[in-house]
Amino acid sequence: MRLLPPVNTAHSAVPILTPLSDAPLARDSSEQPAPSSQQTPYPTVTQAPLPKAQSNALAVELNALYEGVMDSLGSDDAKYIQRIYATVVYSELVARGLLAVAGRMSSRRSQIGAWLLGTSILSFSKILNNMELGHNVMHGQYDWMQHPHLNSQKFDWDIVCPAPLWQHSHNYLHHTFTNIVGRDHDVGYHLIRVTDEQPWTPSDRHNMFSTAVLAFGFEWAVAFHDIQISVDEYADSP
């Protein structure tokens, strides 16, 4: 089992698509672009620059999308994330209270019932803390509120991986190089083979077992995730 292998050469893990064409921009020009007979990987990972006209048009669309989203934000969004935060806090308090009194109950059935209920509520609180609260807040999704705690600079979640490390591996690497094998370390987490762009090795026959290990130790995998990235990035540093 290869937990932390060396980083492979970057490849696209997305389907092969037809490259962008300049044909619509060259209708009034005497020069017609030569037809492409060879398909290339996703255009954003090729070396061909995007024509200026298309780049400007894309910028206009993205700016309009950004302004539309920002204009739609308001009190409902602020109340939503504050309710999520309150749910995380109070569900954890209830869960830990149940677990604290479970062993003091008179009957065995009551002890087991209180323990199961407390464990379930605590699991719910942690999942909500990590996936809905921490993930979104540390993405900067609610920075527009200028909340003293619920912002990407100060918030930290209940998980082994510190917020700054996760923001580097997820916000930067994953969302900048999404599905690029060798750059996006979320592709398999160095543990499982999830695309044919990853070189096959004999240990991949145990993918089901590796996936189970990853599921049971997921937060530790997230913590080691950025440590491996740091080792790869700075291995050649003086």
Protein backbone atom coordinates (compact mmCIF):
# COMPACT_ATOMS: atom_id res chain seq x y z
CA MET A 1 0.00 0.00 0.00
CA ARG A 2 1.49 3.31 -1.06
CA LEU A 3 0.37 5.95 1.41
CA LEU A 4 2.65 8.79 0.35
CA PRO A 5 4.12 8.09 -3.10
CA PRO A 6 6.00 10.69 -5.13
CA VAL A 7 3.87 13.08 -7.15
CA ASN A 8 3.28 11.98 -10.75
CA THR A 9 3.50 14.15 -13.83
CA ALA A 10 0.35 16.23 -14.15
CA HIS A 11 -2.36 14.77 -16.39
CA SER A 12 -5.99 15.67 -16.88
CA ALA A 13 -8.48 13.34 -15.22
CA VAL A 14 -11.44 14.79 -17.13
CA PRO A 15 -12.81 13.41 -20.43
CA ILE A 16 -11.13 14.31 -23.72
CA LEU A 17 -12.86 17.29 -25.29
CA THR A 18 -12.57 19.14 -28.57
CA PRO A 19 -10.25 22.15 -28.16
CA LEU A 20 -11.52 25.71 -28.39
CA SER A 21 -11.78 27.09 -31.90
CA ASP A 22 -11.21 30.62 -33.22
CA ALA A 23 -13.60 30.05 -36.12
CA PRO A 24 -16.37 32.40 -34.86
CA LEU A 25 -13.79 35.17 -34.47
CA ALA A 26 -12.31 34.70 -37.94
CA ARG A 27 -15.46 34.86 -40.07
CA ASP A 28 -14.60 38.32 -41.36
CA SER A 29 -10.94 37.51 -41.80
CA SER A 30 -9.26 36.19 -44.91
CA GLU A 31 -7.34 33.68 -42.84
CA GLN A 32 -9.32 30.66 -41.77
CA PRO A 33 -8.04 28.50 -38.91
CA ALA A 34 -6.83 25.08 -39.89
CA PRO A 35 -9.19 22.33 -38.73
CA SER A 36 -7.94 20.30 -35.80
CA SER A 37 -7.78 16.58 -36.50
CA GLN A 38 -6.44 15.65 -33.08
CA GLN A 39 -8.35 15.91 -29.85
CA THR A 40 -6.53 17.42 -26.93
CA PRO A 41 -7.13 17.37 -23.19
CA TYR A 42 -9.37 19.91 -21.55
CA PRO A 43 -8.46 23.32 -23.05
CA THR A 44 -7.58 24.95 -19.74
CA VAL A 45 -4.59 22.65 -19.28
CA THR A 46 -3.16 23.08 -22.78
CA GLN A 47 -0.39 25.50 -23.66
CA ALA A 48 -2.51 27.32 -26.26
CA PRO A 49 -3.49 30.79 -24.96
CA LEU A 50 -7.14 31.80 -25.01
CA PRO A 51 -7.78 34.41 -27.73
CA LYS A 52 -8.13 37.93 -26.32
CA ALA A 53 -11.70 38.34 -27.54
CA GLN A 54 -12.78 35.13 -25.84
CA SER A 55 -10.82 36.02 -22.72
CA ASN A 56 -12.53 39.42 -22.49
CA ALA A 57 -15.95 37.87 -23.09
CA LEU A 58 -15.30 35.31 -20.37
CA ALA A 59 -14.24 38.07 -17.97
CA VAL A 60 -17.48 39.96 -18.62
CA GLU A 61 -19.56 36.85 -17.95
CA LEU A 62 -17.65 35.98 -14.78
CA ASN A 63 -17.91 39.54 -13.46
CA ALA A 64 -21.65 39.54 -14.14
CA LEU A 65 -21.99 36.21 -12.35
CA TYR A 66 -19.99 37.50 -9.38
CA GLU A 67 -22.02 40.69 -9.12
CA GLY A 68 -25.27 38.74 -9.36
CA VAL A 69 -24.26 36.41 -6.55
CA MET A 70 -23.04 39.24 -4.31
CA ASP A 71 -26.25 41.22 -4.91
CA SER A 72 -28.32 38.19 -3.89
CA LEU A 73 -26.65 37.83 -0.47
CA GLY A 74 -28.46 39.16 2.54
CA SER A 75 -29.90 38.52 5.98
CA ASP A 76 -31.29 35.10 5.05
CA ASP A 77 -27.80 33.84 4.27
CA ALA A 78 -26.40 35.29 7.49
CA LYS A 79 -29.19 33.72 9.55
CA TYR A 80 -28.62 30.38 7.85
CA ILE A 81 -24.95 30.04 8.75
CA GLN A 82 -25.61 31.33 12.27
CA ARG A 83 -28.31 28.67 12.70
CA ILE A 84 -25.86 26.04 11.47
CA TYR A 85 -23.29 27.24 13.99
CA ALA A 86 -25.84 27.16 16.82
CA THR A 87 -26.95 23.67 15.81
CA VAL A 88 -23.36 22.43 15.91
CA VAL A 89 -22.73 23.91 19.36
CA TYR A 90 -25.97 22.87 21.06
CA SER A 91 -26.08 19.38 19.54
CA GLU A 92 -22.56 18.76 20.84
CA LEU A 93 -23.58 19.95 24.32
CA VAL A 94 -26.62 17.65 24.34
CA ALA A 95 -24.59 14.72 23.04
CA ARG A 96 -21.82 15.06 25.58
CA GLY A 97 -24.39 15.47 28.34
CA LEU A 98 -26.05 12.19 27.34
CA LEU A 99 -22.71 10.41 27.22
CA ALA A 100 -21.79 11.79 30.63
CA VAL A 101 -24.93 10.45 32.32
CA ALA A 102 -25.25 7.22 30.33
CA GLY A 103 -23.04 5.24 32.71
CA ARG A 104 -24.99 6.40 35.75
CA MET A 105 -28.36 5.13 34.61
CA SER A 106 -29.90 2.27 36.54
CA SER A 107 -30.82 -0.16 33.78
CA ARG A 108 -28.52 -1.63 31.17
CA ARG A 109 -31.02 -0.83 28.43
CA SER A 110 -31.13 2.84 29.44
CA GLN A 111 -27.32 3.00 29.45
CA ILE A 112 -27.07 1.55 25.95
CA GLY A 113 -29.90 3.74 24.66
CA ALA A 114 -28.38 6.93 26.07
CA TRP A 115 -24.94 5.98 24.74
CA LEU A 116 -26.26 5.25 21.24
CA LEU A 117 -28.30 8.45 21.17
CA GLY A 118 -25.40 10.55 22.48
CA THR A 119 -22.98 9.01 19.99
CA SER A 120 -25.38 9.60 17.09
CA ILE A 121 -25.98 13.24 18.01
CA LEU A 122 -22.25 13.84 18.51
CA SER A 123 -21.55 12.30 15.09
CA PHE A 124 -24.19 14.57 13.58
CA SER A 125 -22.59 17.60 15.24
CA LYS A 126 -19.12 16.75 13.97
CA ILE A 127 -20.27 16.06 10.42
CA LEU A 128 -22.17 19.35 10.36
CA ASN A 129 -19.13 21.13 11.82
CA ASN A 130 -16.80 19.76 9.15
CA MET A 131 -18.91 19.60 6.01
CA GLU A 132 -21.42 22.45 6.21
CA LEU A 133 -19.92 24.92 8.67
CA GLY A 134 -16.14 24.53 8.43
CA HIS A 135 -15.92 23.77 4.71
CA ASN A 136 -18.06 26.72 3.67
CA VAL A 137 -16.74 29.27 6.17
CA MET A 138 -13.08 28.44 5.47
CA HIS A 139 -13.81 28.79 1.76
CA GLY A 140 -14.54 32.44 2.48
CA GLN A 141 -18.18 31.93 1.57
CA TYR A 142 -19.32 34.17 4.44
CA ASP A 143 -16.48 36.69 4.58
CA TRP A 144 -18.85 39.32 3.19
CA MET A 145 -20.62 39.32 6.59
CA GLN A 146 -17.44 40.59 8.32
CA HIS A 147 -18.38 38.36 11.25
CA PRO A 148 -15.72 38.35 14.02
CA HIS A 149 -15.66 34.53 14.16
CA LEU A 150 -17.38 33.08 11.09
CA ASN A 151 -14.75 34.15 8.57
CA SER A 152 -12.04 32.30 6.67
CA GLN A 153 -9.18 34.02 8.51
CA LYS A 154 -10.14 33.10 12.08
CA PHE A 155 -12.45 30.10 11.98
CA ASP A 156 -11.03 26.66 12.77
CA TRP A 157 -12.96 23.43 12.65
CA ASP A 158 -13.15 20.32 14.82
CA ILE A 159 -10.78 18.09 12.87
CA VAL A 160 -7.16 16.94 13.02
CA CYS A 161 -6.07 19.05 10.03
CA PRO A 162 -5.53 22.74 10.95
CA ALA A 163 -7.49 25.26 8.91
CA PRO A 164 -4.47 26.89 7.14
CA LEU A 165 -3.21 23.51 5.87
CA TRP A 166 -6.63 22.52 4.57
CA GLN A 167 -7.10 25.90 2.90
CA HIS A 168 -3.82 25.38 1.04
CA SER A 169 -4.54 21.84 -0.13
CA HIS A 170 -8.25 22.38 -0.81
CA ASN A 171 -8.96 26.03 -1.62
CA TYR A 172 -5.77 26.51 -3.63
CA LEU A 173 -4.58 23.19 -5.04
CA HIS A 174 -7.89 21.32 -5.38
CA HIS A 175 -9.90 24.23 -6.77
CA THR A 176 -7.09 25.55 -8.97
CA PHE A 177 -6.05 22.19 -10.46
CA THR A 178 -9.31 20.26 -10.10
CA ASN A 179 -8.91 16.61 -11.22
CA ILE A 180 -5.40 17.17 -12.58
CA VAL A 181 -3.51 14.04 -11.56
CA GLY A 182 -0.25 15.02 -9.92
CA ARG A 183 -1.52 18.47 -8.91
CA ASP A 184 -4.91 17.85 -7.33
CA HIS A 185 -4.12 15.55 -4.42
CA ASP A 186 -7.82 14.96 -3.82
CA VAL A 187 -7.64 12.50 -6.72
CA GLY A 188 -7.26 9.32 -4.69
CA TYR A 189 -5.56 10.93 -1.69
CA HIS A 190 -2.36 9.03 -2.60
CA LEU A 191 -4.15 5.89 -1.43
CA ILE A 192 -6.68 4.71 -4.00
CA ARG A 193 -6.83 4.68 -7.80
CA VAL A 194 -9.95 6.50 -8.99
CA THR A 195 -9.14 7.27 -12.64
CA ASP A 196 -7.31 5.58 -15.50
CA GLU A 197 -5.03 8.63 -15.64
CA GLN A 198 -3.34 7.27 -12.49
CA PRO A 199 -0.64 4.67 -13.25
CA TRP A 200 -1.81 1.21 -12.20
CA THR A 201 0.21 -0.71 -9.61
CA PRO A 202 -0.38 -4.17 -8.11
CA SER A 203 -1.49 -2.61 -4.83
CA ASP A 204 -4.51 -1.18 -6.65
CA ARG A 205 -6.05 -4.65 -6.45
CA HIS A 206 -6.76 -3.81 -2.81
CA ASN A 207 -8.68 -0.61 -3.60
CA MET A 208 -11.75 -1.75 -1.67
CA PHE A 209 -9.68 -2.30 1.46
CA SER A 210 -7.82 0.99 0.96
CA THR A 211 -11.12 2.82 0.56
CA ALA A 212 -12.37 1.36 3.86
CA VAL A 213 -9.16 2.45 5.60
CA LEU A 214 -9.56 5.94 4.12
CA ALA A 215 -13.18 6.10 5.30
CA PHE A 216 -12.37 5.10 8.88
CA GLY A 217 -9.35 7.39 9.12
CA PHE A 218 -10.54 10.18 6.87
CA GLU A 219 -9.68 13.14 9.09
CA TRP A 220 -6.17 11.77 9.59
CA ALA A 221 -5.84 11.36 5.83
CA VAL A 222 -6.88 15.01 5.44
CA ALA A 223 -4.20 16.00 7.97
CA PHE A 224 -1.43 14.02 6.25
CA HIS A 225 -2.75 15.25 2.91
CA ASP A 226 -1.14 18.69 3.16
CA ILE A 227 1.97 17.34 4.90
CA GLN A 228 2.64 15.27 1.79
CA ILE A 229 2.03 18.30 -0.42
CA SER A 230 4.50 20.34 1.63
CA VAL A 231 7.12 17.60 1.40
CA ASP A 232 6.72 17.45 -2.38
CA GLU A 233 6.82 21.22 -2.84
CA TYR A 234 9.84 21.86 -0.67
CA ALA A 235 11.84 18.68 -1.23
CA ASP A 236 14.28 20.50 -3.51
CA SER A 237 14.50 23.64 -1.38
CA PRO A 238 17.95 24.54 -0.02
